Amino acid sequence: MQCAISLTEQTKITSFLSKLGGKIGAVGEQMRQTKAWKKGCFSRRCLCEAAWS
């Protein structure tokens, strides 16, 4: 069974998948930055606790 998709539909699908890939990449970067921020918060917390001990 063969499915014939017009060039217009193929272009729409390609555009959608490209935009989706961009959004996935942006979320991945946001996650990386959040993890780095979290790590920094814990690091500063440990330093503060050590200073008060």
Protein backbone atom coordinates (compact mmCIF):
# COMPACT_ATOMS: atom_id res chain seq x y z
CA MET A 1 0.00 0.00 0.00
CA GLN A 2 1.43 3.32 -1.07
CA CYS A 3 0.50 6.68 0.40
CA ALA A 4 0.81 9.63 -1.95
CA ILE A 5 1.42 12.88 -0.10
CA SER A 6 1.47 16.10 -2.05
CA LEU A 7 4.52 18.34 -2.07
CA THR A 8 2.55 20.96 -0.11
CA GLU A 9 1.76 18.45 2.64
CA GLN A 10 5.37 17.24 2.69
CA THR A 11 6.51 20.84 3.12
CA LYS A 12 4.06 21.38 5.99
CA ILE A 13 5.24 18.19 7.72
CA THR A 14 8.89 19.15 7.27
CA SER A 15 8.23 22.62 8.68
CA PHE A 16 6.33 21.19 11.66
CA LEU A 17 9.06 18.68 12.47
CA SER A 18 11.74 21.36 12.14
CA LYS A 19 9.88 23.67 14.54
CA LEU A 20 9.33 20.77 16.93
CA GLY A 21 13.03 19.97 16.86
CA GLY A 22 13.83 23.58 17.65
CA LYS A 23 11.46 23.58 20.62
CA ILE A 24 12.94 20.32 21.92
CA GLY A 25 16.41 21.84 21.65
CA ALA A 26 15.29 24.97 23.51
CA VAL A 27 13.79 22.90 26.34
CA GLY A 28 16.99 20.87 26.54
CA GLU A 29 19.02 24.08 26.91
CA GLN A 30 16.58 25.36 29.53
CA MET A 31 17.00 22.10 31.47
CA ARG A 32 20.80 22.40 31.28
CA GLN A 33 20.69 25.95 32.61
CA THR A 34 18.29 24.99 35.41
CA LYS A 35 20.53 22.12 36.48
CA ALA A 36 23.54 24.46 36.54
CA TRP A 37 21.56 26.99 38.62
CA LYS A 38 20.45 24.25 41.03
CA LYS A 39 24.03 23.04 41.38
CA GLY A 40 25.14 26.59 42.14
CA CYS A 41 22.43 27.00 44.78
CA PHE A 42 23.47 23.83 46.56
CA SER A 43 27.13 24.83 46.34
CA ARG A 44 26.44 28.24 47.90
CA ARG A 45 24.27 26.63 50.58
CA CYS A 46 27.07 24.25 51.56
CA LEU A 47 29.53 27.15 51.72
CA CYS A 48 27.17 29.14 53.95
CA GLU A 49 26.57 26.19 56.26
CA ALA A 50 30.33 25.59 56.53
CA ALA A 51 30.92 29.24 57.43
CA TRP A 52 28.34 29.08 60.24
CA SER A 53 29.63 25.81 61.67
